[in-house]
Protein backbone atom coordinates (compact mmCIF):
# COMPACT_ATOMS: atom_id res chain seq x y z
CA UNK A 1 4.83 19.07 0.03
CA UNK A 2 7.70 18.47 -1.75
CA UNK A 3 10.58 16.05 -1.61
CA UNK A 4 14.46 18.01 -2.50
CA UNK A 5 16.24 15.10 -2.28
CA UNK A 6 18.44 14.99 -5.46
CA UNK A 7 19.16 11.96 -7.47
CA UNK A 8 22.68 10.22 -7.27
CA UNK A 9 24.15 7.82 -9.96
CA UNK A 10 23.82 5.08 -7.45
CA UNK A 11 19.74 6.06 -7.66
CA UNK A 12 20.06 6.34 -11.37
CA UNK A 13 21.94 2.61 -11.95
CA UNK A 14 19.68 0.87 -9.46
CA UNK A 15 17.23 2.59 -12.17
CA UNK A 16 18.69 1.52 -14.93
CA UNK A 17 18.70 -2.38 -13.10
CA UNK A 18 15.70 -2.34 -12.69
CA UNK A 19 14.62 -1.80 -16.08
CA UNK A 20 16.41 -4.94 -17.24
CA UNK A 21 15.20 -7.12 -14.43
CA UNK A 22 12.46 -9.59 -15.63
CA UNK A 23 10.05 -8.21 -12.79
CA UNK A 24 7.35 -11.21 -12.96
CA UNK A 25 9.71 -14.32 -12.89
CA UNK A 26 11.30 -13.16 -10.17
CA UNK A 27 8.56 -12.40 -8.18
CA UNK A 28 7.15 -15.85 -9.53
CA UNK A 29 10.09 -17.30 -7.70
CA UNK A 30 10.13 -15.86 -5.43
CA UNK A 31 6.14 -17.07 -4.12
CA UNK A 32 7.57 -20.17 -4.19
CA UNK A 33 10.39 -19.47 -1.62
CA UNK A 34 8.26 -17.59 0.35
CA UNK A 35 5.79 -20.56 0.87
CA UNK A 36 8.36 -23.25 0.90
CA UNK A 37 7.32 -25.39 4.44
CA UNK A 38 10.93 -27.15 4.59
CA UNK A 39 12.01 -26.63 8.17
CA UNK A 40 15.43 -25.60 7.82
CA UNK A 41 14.92 -23.00 4.30
CA UNK A 42 12.57 -21.29 6.52
CA UNK A 43 13.83 -21.15 9.13
CA UNK A 44 16.80 -19.39 7.81
CA UNK A 45 15.03 -16.87 5.76
CA UNK A 46 13.13 -16.16 8.71
CA UNK A 47 16.08 -15.66 11.16
CA UNK A 48 18.19 -13.69 8.35
CA UNK A 49 15.60 -11.18 7.96
CA UNK A 50 15.33 -10.30 11.28
CA UNK A 51 18.62 -10.27 12.30
CA UNK A 52 18.83 -7.87 8.80
CA UNK A 53 15.95 -5.33 9.32
CA UNK A 54 16.09 -6.14 12.88
CA UNK A 55 11.96 -6.56 13.23
CA UNK A 56 11.00 -5.76 16.99
CA UNK A 57 8.86 -9.54 17.22
CA UNK A 58 8.09 -8.74 21.03
CA UNK A 59 4.89 -6.97 19.57
CA UNK A 60 4.10 -9.96 16.78
CA UNK A 61 1.06 -11.66 18.24
CA UNK A 62 3.23 -14.82 17.64
CA UNK A 63 6.83 -14.08 18.57
CA UNK A 64 8.75 -17.09 18.17
CA UNK A 65 10.12 -17.16 15.04
CA UNK A 66 10.13 -20.89 14.14
CA UNK A 67 6.41 -21.00 15.09
CA UNK A 68 5.91 -19.75 11.25
CA UNK A 69 5.38 -22.53 9.53
CA UNK A 70 6.38 -20.41 6.50
CA UNK A 71 8.55 -17.25 5.56
CA UNK A 72 5.59 -15.87 3.91
CA UNK A 73 3.14 -16.67 7.09
CA UNK A 74 6.05 -14.30 9.23
CA UNK A 75 5.88 -11.92 6.48
CA UNK A 76 2.49 -11.30 7.31
CA UNK A 77 2.21 -11.97 10.64
CA UNK A 78 -0.30 -10.02 13.01
CA UNK A 79 0.27 -7.58 16.07
CA UNK A 80 -0.75 -8.33 19.51
CA UNK A 81 -4.13 -6.41 19.84
CA UNK A 82 -2.74 -3.79 22.50
CA UNK A 83 0.37 -2.83 19.69
CA UNK A 84 -1.12 -0.23 17.54
CA UNK A 85 -3.89 1.34 19.54
CA UNK A 86 -6.47 3.84 17.24
CA UNK A 87 -6.54 7.29 17.38
CA UNK A 88 -9.81 8.50 19.04
CA UNK A 89 -12.35 10.02 17.78
CA UNK A 90 -14.40 9.72 14.72
CA UNK A 91 -12.91 12.45 12.32
CA UNK A 92 -9.25 11.00 12.73
CA UNK A 93 -7.75 9.62 9.43
CA UNK A 94 -6.12 6.67 10.60
CA UNK A 95 -2.68 5.60 9.17
CA UNK A 96 -3.49 1.98 7.03
CA UNK A 97 -0.35 0.99 7.78
CA UNK A 98 3.66 1.27 9.30
CA UNK A 99 5.67 3.07 6.96
CA UNK A 100 7.25 5.53 6.18
CA UNK A 101 5.28 9.25 4.29
CA UNK A 102 6.93 9.11 0.94
CA UNK A 103 4.43 12.43 -0.01
CA UNK A 104 1.19 13.62 0.88
CA UNK A 105 -0.91 17.20 -0.69
CA UNK A 106 -3.11 17.92 -3.25
CA UNK A 107 -4.37 16.58 -7.11
CA UNK A 108 -4.10 19.01 -8.78
CA UNK A 109 -5.44 19.25 -12.54
CA UNK A 110 -5.45 15.77 -12.51
CA UNK A 111 -1.77 15.17 -11.42
CA UNK A 112 0.06 13.90 -8.39
CA UNK A 113 3.41 14.51 -6.74
CA UNK A 114 5.86 11.78 -6.63
CA UNK A 115 9.13 13.20 -6.51
CA UNK A 116 11.28 16.59 -7.05
CA UNK A 117 10.72 16.95 -10.37
CA UNK A 118 8.41 14.04 -11.23
CA UNK A 119 4.56 13.99 -10.95
CA UNK A 120 1.80 11.44 -12.89
CA UNK A 121 -1.75 10.80 -13.53
CA UNK A 122 -4.56 10.41 -11.96
CA UNK A 123 -6.18 9.25 -14.79
CA UNK A 124 -3.93 6.43 -15.11
CA UNK A 125 -3.51 5.86 -12.05
CA UNK A 126 -7.46 4.60 -11.68
CA UNK A 127 -6.98 2.77 -14.66
CA UNK A 128 -8.94 5.53 -17.27
CA UNK A 129 -11.55 5.61 -14.69
CA UNK A 130 -13.30 9.23 -15.70
CA UNK A 131 -15.65 8.38 -12.31
CA UNK A 132 -12.70 7.89 -10.17
CA UNK A 133 -11.10 11.06 -12.02
CA UNK A 134 -13.53 13.08 -11.39
CA UNK A 135 -14.06 11.73 -8.01
CA UNK A 136 -10.49 12.39 -6.51
CA UNK A 137 -9.46 15.35 -8.87
CA UNK A 138 -8.88 18.74 -6.74
CA UNK A 139 -8.78 16.38 -3.62
CA UNK A 140 -5.72 15.14 -1.26
CA UNK A 141 -3.21 12.00 -1.43
CA UNK A 142 -1.30 10.48 0.36
CA UNK A 143 1.49 7.28 -0.92
CA UNK A 144 3.00 5.53 2.30
CA UNK A 145 6.37 3.44 1.97
CA UNK A 146 6.16 0.38 4.18
CA UNK A 147 9.75 -1.43 4.09
CA UNK A 148 10.83 -5.22 4.99
CA UNK A 149 10.35 -4.21 8.38
CA UNK A 150 7.74 -3.49 8.69
CA UNK A 151 4.21 -4.79 9.75
CA UNK A 152 2.39 -5.57 6.02
CA UNK A 153 -1.45 -5.88 6.46
CA UNK A 154 -3.61 -3.01 5.28
CA UNK A 155 -6.40 -1.08 7.86
CA UNK A 156 -9.14 0.91 6.64
CA UNK A 157 -8.44 4.85 7.35
CA UNK A 158 -12.44 5.66 8.40
CA UNK A 159 -15.19 3.22 8.62
CA UNK A 160 -16.65 2.65 5.07
CA UNK A 161 -18.33 0.58 2.82
CA UNK A 162 -16.26 -1.72 -0.23
CA UNK A 163 -17.84 0.01 -3.26
CA UNK A 164 -15.80 -0.93 -6.63
CA UNK A 165 -12.11 -2.58 -6.77
CA UNK A 166 -9.99 -3.04 -9.83
CA UNK A 167 -7.33 -4.69 -10.40
CA UNK A 168 -4.64 -3.14 -12.82
CA UNK A 169 -1.88 -4.74 -14.69
CA UNK A 170 1.94 -3.17 -14.91
CA UNK A 171 5.48 -3.73 -14.31
CA UNK A 172 6.74 -4.52 -10.20
CA UNK A 173 9.27 -1.95 -9.76
CA UNK A 174 10.78 -1.57 -6.71
CA UNK A 175 8.93 1.44 -4.96
CA UNK A 176 12.27 2.41 -2.61
CA UNK A 177 12.84 5.62 -1.76
CA UNK A 178 15.52 5.69 -4.42
CA UNK A 179 13.22 4.15 -7.54
CA UNK A 180 10.79 6.87 -6.25
CA UNK A 181 13.12 9.60 -7.21
CA UNK A 182 13.78 7.78 -10.25
CA UNK A 183 11.05 5.96 -12.19
CA UNK A 184 8.76 8.36 -13.56
CA UNK A 185 5.50 7.26 -13.66
CA UNK A 186 6.56 4.70 -10.96
CA UNK A 187 3.04 4.57 -8.90
CA UNK A 188 1.03 4.63 -12.25
CA UNK A 189 3.09 1.94 -14.09
CA UNK A 190 3.08 -0.91 -11.13
CA UNK A 191 0.68 -2.97 -10.41
CA UNK A 192 -1.78 -2.59 -8.05
CA UNK A 193 -5.32 -3.15 -6.79
CA UNK A 194 -7.40 -0.18 -6.36
CA UNK A 195 -10.34 -0.60 -3.57
CA UNK A 196 -13.11 2.26 -3.43
CA UNK A 197 -15.30 3.12 0.02
CA UNK A 198 -18.29 5.24 0.71
CA UNK A 199 -17.19 6.79 4.00
CA UNK A 200 -18.11 10.05 6.00
CA UNK A 201 -16.04 11.74 3.99
CA UNK A 202 -17.00 11.02 0.46
CA UNK A 203 -15.36 8.68 -1.83
CA UNK A 204 -12.03 7.01 -0.63
CA UNK A 205 -9.78 5.14 -2.45
CA UNK A 206 -6.94 2.70 -0.74
CA UNK A 207 -4.84 1.57 -3.34
CA UNK A 208 -2.44 -1.20 -2.46
CA UNK A 209 0.85 -0.93 -5.18
CA UNK A 210 2.99 -3.66 -6.06
CA UNK A 211 6.53 -4.07 -6.19
CA UNK A 212 9.24 -5.85 -7.16
CA UNK A 213 9.14 -9.59 -4.96
CA UNK A 214 5.16 -8.62 -3.82
CA UNK A 215 4.11 -11.93 -5.47
CA UNK A 216 0.73 -11.52 -4.80
CA UNK A 217 -1.65 -8.76 -3.06
CA UNK A 218 -4.69 -10.09 -0.91
CA UNK A 219 -7.92 -8.75 0.00
CA UNK A 220 -9.88 -9.67 2.75
CA UNK A 221 -13.20 -10.13 0.80
CA UNK A 222 -11.45 -11.46 -2.37
CA UNK A 223 -8.60 -13.24 -1.31
CA UNK A 224 -5.67 -12.96 -3.46
CA UNK A 225 -6.23 -10.25 -6.19
CA UNK A 226 -3.01 -9.94 -7.72
CA UNK A 227 -1.37 -11.37 -9.90
CA UNK A 228 -5.09 -12.11 -11.63
CA UNK A 229 -4.86 -11.21 -14.99
CA UNK A 230 -2.73 -9.10 -17.94
CA UNK A 231 -6.08 -6.76 -18.48
CA UNK A 232 -8.08 -4.27 -16.16
CA UNK A 233 -10.49 -6.47 -14.17
CA UNK A 234 -13.26 -4.73 -12.41
CA UNK A 235 -15.63 -5.87 -9.59
CA UNK A 236 -18.51 -3.92 -7.94
CA UNK A 237 -19.67 -4.10 -4.09
CA UNK A 238 -23.52 -2.39 -4.88
CA UNK A 239 -26.57 -2.05 -7.20
CA UNK A 240 -28.67 -4.99 -6.65
CA UNK A 241 -30.59 -6.56 -3.41
CA UNK A 242 -28.78 -9.76 -3.69
CA UNK A 243 -25.54 -7.95 -3.12
CA UNK A 244 -24.43 -8.11 0.87
CA UNK A 245 -23.04 -4.58 1.61
CA UNK A 246 -19.61 -4.79 3.12
CA UNK A 247 -19.04 -2.82 4.98
CA UNK A 248 -15.63 -1.80 7.64
CA UNK A 249 -15.00 -0.53 10.89
CA UNK A 250 -12.55 2.10 11.17
CA UNK A 251 -9.44 0.51 11.23
CA UNK A 252 -10.83 -2.84 10.41
CA UNK A 253 -7.83 -5.05 8.33
CA UNK A 254 -8.74 -5.06 4.60
CA UNK A 255 -5.61 -6.47 3.26
CA UNK A 256 -1.90 -7.77 2.69
CA UNK A 257 0.86 -7.57 0.73
CA UNK A 258 2.70 -10.04 0.34
CA UNK A 259 6.15 -8.91 0.58
CA UNK A 260 6.55 -5.09 0.74
CA UNK A 261 5.17 -2.29 -0.99
CA UNK A 262 3.36 1.48 -0.50
CA UNK A 263 -0.27 2.46 -0.54
CA UNK A 264 -1.78 5.58 -2.07
CA UNK A 265 -4.59 7.24 -0.55
CA UNK A 266 -7.55 9.21 -2.22
CA UNK A 267 -10.05 11.28 -1.24
CA UNK A 268 -11.74 13.82 -2.31
CA UNK A 269 -11.87 17.68 -3.03
CA UNK A 270 -11.70 19.62 0.80
CA UNK A 271 -12.56 16.12 2.37
CA UNK A 272 -9.50 15.61 5.01
CA UNK A 273 -6.72 17.68 6.07
CA UNK A 274 -3.85 16.01 6.25
CA UNK A 275 -2.06 16.98 10.08
CA UNK A 276 1.91 18.11 10.11
CA UNK A 277 3.04 14.21 10.60
CA UNK A 278 2.29 13.69 6.86
CA UNK A 279 6.10 15.47 5.79
CA UNK A 280 8.18 13.49 3.44
CA UNK A 281 10.67 10.37 5.50
CA UNK A 282 8.38 10.94 8.37
CA UNK A 283 7.57 7.22 10.32
CA UNK A 284 4.44 6.31 11.00
CA UNK A 285 2.08 3.53 12.79
CA UNK A 286 -0.95 1.91 11.89
CA UNK A 287 -3.86 3.20 13.82
CA UNK A 288 -2.28 6.72 14.79
CA UNK A 289 -3.77 10.36 13.10
CA UNK A 290 -2.80 11.87 10.16
CA UNK A 291 -5.90 13.74 9.10
CA UNK A 292 -8.69 14.91 9.85
CA UNK A 293 -11.97 14.90 8.34
CA UNK A 294 -13.34 18.04 6.71
CA UNK A 295 -10.07 20.20 8.06
């Protein structure tokens, strides 16, 4: 599915600014700011965010903005149990997040479509792991962008068993639509956490891509994973009787972004077929059907 938006001068200037910014230093400052518990500051930040991004607090488990002990607690707030019902049918692939479709389609010759005129390498995205390239080449991908107004917890699209996790360090470019159109290899250059699962559809990757001001990425089984190191780190969750399997029911929470970012989903060849809802720019809610197993 192609994206036909033209790159304008504003996009190019914004991308140039991002190249010059000290990404990690800015993100460390935001980390401190968003965890500050000084009441006047955190309440002001929360109120301004609600107003600026028109955030709907009626669906939050805690609708009172003043009840959050810091801005990050507000930003990663849970929703009411009935706010995001799951689509019926075990064969339905659920949206892992609230967000907007950036792109979706097929992985062709090890290349993933980013935007008009821009592709990037599957091999680079998964940290050069040849086994993962083999598992997903010829398969399907979907890229979903989370804006600041969205719910920022990540859920598993299908029931699955965790097999591996990789933390891949990198830059922290913005992942907004404008930078997606202008920064080459954006998602394979930014810091990211690659989570691998075995599902009824075969191998599935849920890749949490960091971005400017995303000071950390958490998973429910390992806590804060990024930022962690300046080299690729790998964890295995299989192979050995002493390792308790980590399994998730369909739609279960698996992690969160501390500030907004992007999720990239990968499936193997002929594993899933995306629904008509997966057109670029389409708005998604966590739990809605975005595809089906086996077509």
